[in-house]
N, C-alpha and C. Protein backbone atom coordinates (compact mmCIF):
# COMPACT_ATOMS: atom_id res chain seq x y z
N ALA A 1 -0.52 4.67 20.49
CA ALA A 1 -0.32 6.12 20.85
C ALA A 1 0.12 7.11 19.70
N GLU A 2 0.77 6.72 19.00
CA GLU A 2 0.89 7.75 17.79
C GLU A 2 -0.43 7.98 17.19
N LEU A 3 -1.12 7.00 16.80
CA LEU A 3 -2.24 7.17 15.90
C LEU A 3 -3.42 8.21 16.95
N LYS A 4 -3.55 8.16 18.34
CA LYS A 4 -4.22 8.63 19.09
C LYS A 4 -3.34 10.25 18.99
N GLN A 5 -2.47 10.54 19.09
CA GLN A 5 -1.63 11.88 19.02
C GLN A 5 -1.93 12.31 17.70
N LYS A 6 -1.84 11.80 16.62
CA LYS A 6 -2.64 12.30 15.38
C LYS A 6 -3.66 12.58 15.32
N VAL A 7 -4.86 11.99 16.00
CA VAL A 7 -6.08 12.36 15.83
C VAL A 7 -6.38 13.53 16.69
N LEU A 8 -5.55 13.55 18.16
CA LEU A 8 -5.77 14.92 18.85
C LEU A 8 -5.26 16.18 18.39
N SER A 9 -4.23 16.03 17.82
CA SER A 9 -3.58 17.10 17.29
C SER A 9 -3.76 17.60 15.78
N ASN A 10 -4.45 16.73 15.05
CA ASN A 10 -4.72 17.35 13.58
C ASN A 10 -6.49 17.18 13.36
N GLY A 11 -7.18 16.33 14.58
CA GLY A 11 -8.43 16.40 14.37
C GLY A 11 -8.90 15.04 13.52
N PHE A 12 -8.10 14.54 12.75
CA PHE A 12 -8.45 13.23 12.09
C PHE A 12 -7.11 12.59 11.71
N TRP A 13 -7.51 11.20 10.99
CA TRP A 13 -6.46 10.56 10.92
C TRP A 13 -7.14 9.52 9.81
N ARG A 14 -6.56 9.42 8.71
CA ARG A 14 -6.94 8.49 7.70
C ARG A 14 -5.58 7.37 7.06
N GLY A 15 -5.98 6.21 6.96
CA GLY A 15 -4.97 5.33 6.65
C GLY A 15 -5.40 3.75 6.61
N GLU A 16 -4.43 2.89 6.25
CA GLU A 16 -4.83 1.28 5.87
C GLU A 16 -4.34 0.94 7.47
N LEU A 17 -5.42 -0.11 7.90
CA LEU A 17 -4.66 -1.24 8.68
C LEU A 17 -5.29 -2.49 8.59
N TRP A 18 -4.37 -3.48 8.80
CA TRP A 18 -4.51 -4.75 8.68
C TRP A 18 -5.28 -5.32 9.95
N LEU A 19 -6.50 -6.01 9.95
CA LEU A 19 -7.31 -6.56 10.76
C LEU A 19 -7.45 -8.01 10.84
N VAL A 20 -7.76 -8.35 12.13
CA VAL A 20 -7.86 -10.04 11.62
C VAL A 20 -9.40 -10.20 12.25
N ARG A 21 -10.00 -11.29 11.19
CA ARG A 21 -11.36 -11.86 11.29
C ARG A 21 -11.58 -12.70 12.66
N LYS A 22 -12.65 -12.93 12.83
CA LYS A 22 -13.06 -13.69 13.75
C LYS A 22 -12.16 -15.46 13.47
N ASP A 23 -12.24 -15.79 12.37
CA ASP A 23 -11.72 -16.69 11.82
C ASP A 23 -9.79 -17.01 11.74
N GLY A 24 -9.46 -15.93 11.86
CA GLY A 24 -8.11 -15.60 12.04
C GLY A 24 -7.55 -14.87 11.08
N GLN A 25 -8.12 -14.80 9.80
CA GLN A 25 -7.85 -14.40 8.67
C GLN A 25 -7.53 -12.77 8.67
N THR A 26 -6.36 -12.36 8.01
CA THR A 26 -6.29 -11.22 8.20
C THR A 26 -6.73 -10.26 6.83
N TYR A 27 -7.14 -9.27 6.87
CA TYR A 27 -7.71 -8.30 5.81
C TYR A 27 -7.45 -6.73 6.00
N PRO A 28 -7.34 -6.36 4.85
CA PRO A 28 -7.19 -4.62 4.76
C PRO A 28 -8.32 -3.70 5.20
N GLU A 29 -8.33 -2.83 5.77
CA GLU A 29 -9.43 -1.83 6.03
C GLU A 29 -8.80 -0.62 5.88
N LEU A 30 -9.84 0.35 5.30
CA LEU A 30 -9.13 1.54 4.94
C LEU A 30 -9.91 2.65 6.25
N VAL A 31 -9.36 3.20 7.00
CA VAL A 31 -9.93 3.67 8.13
C VAL A 31 -9.99 5.12 8.39
N SER A 32 -10.85 5.63 8.70
CA SER A 32 -10.79 7.27 8.73
C SER A 32 -11.41 7.58 10.05
N ILE A 33 -10.60 8.14 10.96
CA ILE A 33 -11.11 8.42 12.34
C ILE A 33 -11.11 10.23 12.63
N THR A 34 -12.27 10.68 12.95
CA THR A 34 -12.53 11.90 13.25
C THR A 34 -12.65 12.31 14.30
N ALA A 35 -11.99 13.50 15.18
CA ALA A 35 -12.32 13.85 16.60
C ALA A 35 -13.33 14.75 16.28
N VAL A 36 -14.57 14.92 17.38
CA VAL A 36 -15.69 15.64 17.51
C VAL A 36 -15.34 16.55 18.69
N ARG A 37 -15.49 17.95 18.66
CA ARG A 37 -15.42 18.62 19.67
C ARG A 37 -16.61 19.57 19.68
N ASP A 38 -16.71 20.06 21.12
CA ASP A 38 -17.85 20.35 21.77
C ASP A 38 -17.58 22.24 21.53
N SER A 39 -18.79 23.05 21.80
CA SER A 39 -18.51 24.40 21.84
C SER A 39 -17.42 25.01 22.35
N GLN A 40 -16.91 24.20 23.62
CA GLN A 40 -15.71 24.81 24.35
C GLN A 40 -14.38 24.22 23.95
N ASN A 41 -14.72 23.63 22.54
CA ASN A 41 -13.34 22.91 21.97
C ASN A 41 -12.72 21.59 22.64
N ARG A 42 -13.57 21.24 23.36
CA ARG A 42 -12.90 19.86 23.94
C ARG A 42 -13.37 18.78 23.40
N LEU A 43 -12.59 17.66 23.48
CA LEU A 43 -12.77 16.45 22.64
C LEU A 43 -14.23 16.00 23.16
N SER A 44 -15.20 15.63 22.67
CA SER A 44 -16.52 14.86 23.06
C SER A 44 -16.62 13.47 23.07
N ASN A 45 -16.25 13.20 21.26
CA ASN A 45 -16.65 11.90 20.78
C ASN A 45 -15.17 11.84 19.48
N VAL A 46 -15.04 10.61 19.54
CA VAL A 46 -14.26 10.30 18.08
C VAL A 46 -15.34 9.30 17.28
N VAL A 47 -15.48 9.60 15.99
CA VAL A 47 -15.80 8.83 15.03
C VAL A 47 -15.14 8.21 13.80
N ALA A 48 -15.39 6.78 13.75
CA ALA A 48 -14.13 5.94 13.20
C ALA A 48 -15.15 5.40 11.95
N LEU A 49 -14.74 5.33 10.78
CA LEU A 49 -15.25 4.80 9.83
C LEU A 49 -14.54 3.61 9.11
N PHE A 50 -14.84 2.46 8.99
CA PHE A 50 -14.07 1.42 8.55
C PHE A 50 -14.51 1.03 7.30
N THR A 51 -13.75 0.47 6.25
CA THR A 51 -14.31 0.20 4.69
C THR A 51 -13.29 -1.03 4.65
N ASP A 52 -13.75 -2.06 4.35
CA ASP A 52 -13.04 -3.38 3.81
C ASP A 52 -12.40 -3.04 2.27
N ILE A 53 -11.23 -3.24 2.31
CA ILE A 53 -10.92 -2.94 1.18
C ILE A 53 -10.39 -4.41 0.42
N SER A 54 -10.29 -5.27 0.96
CA SER A 54 -10.00 -6.72 0.50
C SER A 54 -10.16 -6.72 -1.07
N ARG A 55 -11.18 -6.35 -1.65
CA ARG A 55 -11.29 -6.75 -3.15
C ARG A 55 -10.76 -5.67 -3.99
N LEU A 56 -10.35 -4.64 -3.60
CA LEU A 56 -9.70 -3.44 -4.01
C LEU A 56 -8.32 -4.00 -4.01
N LYS A 57 -7.57 -4.49 -3.02
CA LYS A 57 -6.23 -4.83 -2.90
C LYS A 57 -6.18 -6.03 -3.69
N GLU A 58 -7.10 -6.89 -3.88
CA GLU A 58 -6.98 -8.21 -4.99
C GLU A 58 -6.99 -7.69 -6.26
N GLN A 59 -7.53 -6.75 -6.59
CA GLN A 59 -7.99 -6.08 -7.91
C GLN A 59 -6.35 -5.27 -8.26
N GLU A 60 -5.84 -4.78 -7.26
CA GLU A 60 -4.48 -3.81 -7.64
C GLU A 60 -3.18 -5.20 -7.90
N LYS A 61 -3.61 -6.16 -7.04
CA LYS A 61 -2.53 -7.30 -7.24
C LYS A 61 -2.72 -7.85 -8.69
N GLN A 62 -4.28 -8.08 -9.36
CA GLN A 62 -4.06 -8.70 -10.54
C GLN A 62 -3.60 -7.71 -11.37
N LEU A 63 -3.87 -6.16 -11.41
CA LEU A 63 -3.24 -5.41 -12.41
C LEU A 63 -2.00 -5.37 -12.20
N GLU A 64 -1.41 -5.62 -11.31
CA GLU A 64 0.00 -5.74 -11.21
C GLU A 64 0.46 -6.70 -11.89
N LEU A 65 -0.11 -7.89 -11.87
CA LEU A 65 0.18 -9.21 -12.38
C LEU A 65 0.38 -8.75 -13.83
N LEU A 66 -0.76 -8.23 -14.55
CA LEU A 66 -1.32 -8.08 -15.66
C LEU A 66 -0.04 -7.13 -16.16
N ALA A 67 0.50 -6.11 -15.83
CA ALA A 67 1.13 -5.30 -16.13
C ALA A 67 2.75 -5.78 -16.11
N LEU A 68 3.11 -6.73 -15.19
CA LEU A 68 4.57 -7.22 -15.17
C LEU A 68 4.88 -8.54 -15.67
N TYR A 69 3.72 -9.35 -15.85
CA TYR A 69 3.66 -10.47 -16.17
C TYR A 69 3.09 -11.07 -17.66
N ASP A 70 3.39 -12.08 -18.48
CA ASP A 70 2.75 -12.23 -19.76
C ASP A 70 1.46 -13.31 -19.11
N PRO A 71 0.32 -12.84 -19.74
CA PRO A 71 -0.85 -13.55 -18.85
C PRO A 71 -0.91 -15.08 -19.41
N LEU A 72 -0.08 -15.15 -20.24
CA LEU A 72 -0.23 -16.81 -20.95
C LEU A 72 0.82 -17.58 -20.35
N THR A 73 2.10 -17.47 -20.27
CA THR A 73 3.34 -18.07 -19.85
C THR A 73 3.46 -17.68 -18.38
N LYS A 74 2.91 -16.59 -17.91
CA LYS A 74 3.22 -16.05 -16.38
C LYS A 74 4.82 -15.82 -16.42
N LEU A 75 5.49 -15.32 -17.33
CA LEU A 75 6.98 -15.36 -17.59
C LEU A 75 6.94 -13.26 -17.34
N PRO A 76 8.01 -12.95 -16.70
CA PRO A 76 8.18 -11.62 -16.57
C PRO A 76 8.43 -10.96 -17.95
N ASN A 77 7.72 -9.74 -17.97
CA ASN A 77 7.74 -9.20 -19.37
C ASN A 77 8.93 -7.77 -19.31
N ARG A 78 8.64 -7.31 -20.31
CA ARG A 78 9.61 -6.05 -20.50
C ARG A 78 9.44 -5.08 -19.82
N ASN A 79 8.33 -4.84 -19.43
CA ASN A 79 7.93 -3.62 -17.81
C ASN A 79 8.64 -4.18 -16.69
N LEU A 80 8.61 -5.31 -16.45
CA LEU A 80 9.50 -5.95 -14.93
C LEU A 80 10.90 -5.61 -15.30
N LEU A 81 11.40 -5.89 -16.64
CA LEU A 81 12.61 -6.04 -16.87
C LEU A 81 13.11 -4.12 -16.58
N VAL A 82 12.67 -3.46 -16.95
CA VAL A 82 12.80 -2.20 -17.18
C VAL A 82 12.72 -1.54 -15.46
N THR A 83 11.71 -2.00 -14.82
CA THR A 83 11.62 -1.61 -13.42
C THR A 83 12.93 -2.08 -12.48
N LYS A 84 13.12 -3.46 -12.90
CA LYS A 84 14.12 -3.87 -12.13
C LYS A 84 15.62 -3.43 -12.57
N VAL A 85 15.80 -3.15 -13.75
CA VAL A 85 17.06 -2.41 -14.14
C VAL A 85 17.29 -0.98 -13.57
N SER A 86 16.08 -0.40 -13.91
CA SER A 86 15.76 0.84 -13.12
C SER A 86 16.20 0.87 -11.55
N GLU A 87 15.61 0.05 -10.92
CA GLU A 87 16.35 -0.25 -9.21
C GLU A 87 17.52 -0.55 -9.19
N LEU A 88 18.35 -1.56 -10.10
CA LEU A 88 19.56 -1.93 -9.66
C LEU A 88 20.60 -0.45 -10.14
N LEU A 89 19.99 0.38 -11.25
CA LEU A 89 20.80 1.36 -11.33
C LEU A 89 20.98 2.40 -10.33
N LYS A 90 19.49 2.48 -9.57
CA LYS A 90 19.30 3.47 -8.29
C LYS A 90 20.34 3.13 -7.32
N PHE A 91 20.09 1.68 -7.19
CA PHE A 91 21.09 1.46 -5.79
C PHE A 91 22.28 1.01 -6.38
N ASN A 92 23.20 1.37 -7.35
CA ASN A 92 24.61 1.17 -7.74
C ASN A 92 25.49 2.01 -7.23
N GLU A 93 25.49 2.23 -6.06
CA GLU A 93 26.09 3.48 -5.32
C GLU A 93 27.62 3.44 -5.48
N PHE A 94 28.21 2.42 -5.70
CA PHE A 94 29.88 2.36 -5.53
C PHE A 94 30.10 2.42 -7.13
N GLY A 95 29.22 2.64 -8.20
CA GLY A 95 29.74 2.73 -9.33
C GLY A 95 30.17 1.61 -9.84
N ARG A 96 29.72 0.33 -9.49
CA ARG A 96 30.30 -0.99 -10.01
C ARG A 96 29.72 -1.20 -11.53
N TYR A 97 30.53 -2.14 -12.34
CA TYR A 97 30.19 -2.51 -13.26
C TYR A 97 28.73 -3.45 -13.41
N MET A 98 28.08 -3.52 -14.37
CA MET A 98 26.93 -3.98 -14.27
C MET A 98 26.92 -4.42 -15.96
N ALA A 99 26.29 -5.36 -16.01
CA ALA A 99 25.59 -6.29 -17.55
C ALA A 99 24.37 -6.53 -17.36
N VAL A 100 23.69 -6.43 -18.87
CA VAL A 100 22.34 -7.00 -19.11
C VAL A 100 22.46 -7.71 -20.21
N LEU A 101 21.94 -8.76 -20.19
CA LEU A 101 21.74 -9.54 -21.45
C LEU A 101 20.26 -9.78 -21.78
N PHE A 102 19.58 -9.05 -22.83
CA PHE A 102 18.45 -8.92 -23.09
C PHE A 102 18.53 -9.82 -24.62
N ILE A 103 17.41 -10.86 -24.46
CA ILE A 103 17.40 -11.56 -25.52
C ILE A 103 15.75 -11.50 -26.17
N ASP A 104 15.35 -10.86 -26.94
CA ASP A 104 13.94 -10.30 -27.41
C ASP A 104 13.49 -11.47 -28.27
N LEU A 105 12.59 -12.33 -27.75
CA LEU A 105 12.24 -13.36 -28.89
C LEU A 105 10.63 -13.09 -29.34
């Protein structure tokens, strides 16, 4: 209902949806939906374009692994440490004490 309302009010919608194949496997699709109106500005059709982005999602996952983990040992690297410490500092709402022990090998 929310998607339908956005298409009717804006004339289009674009986003990612997770769909299910016949074999039950879920996969991501990039979906673009456009409302087509006639000369009296009445809704006559809706056009939808579906693009399977499974490979793109898998490549994003691989890039994230390469950016945050050592390719040889699969251990977290410095980038992941900085990300996690930044998250901890951001959510340290009560000003509690924290300590980080960093051993650079």
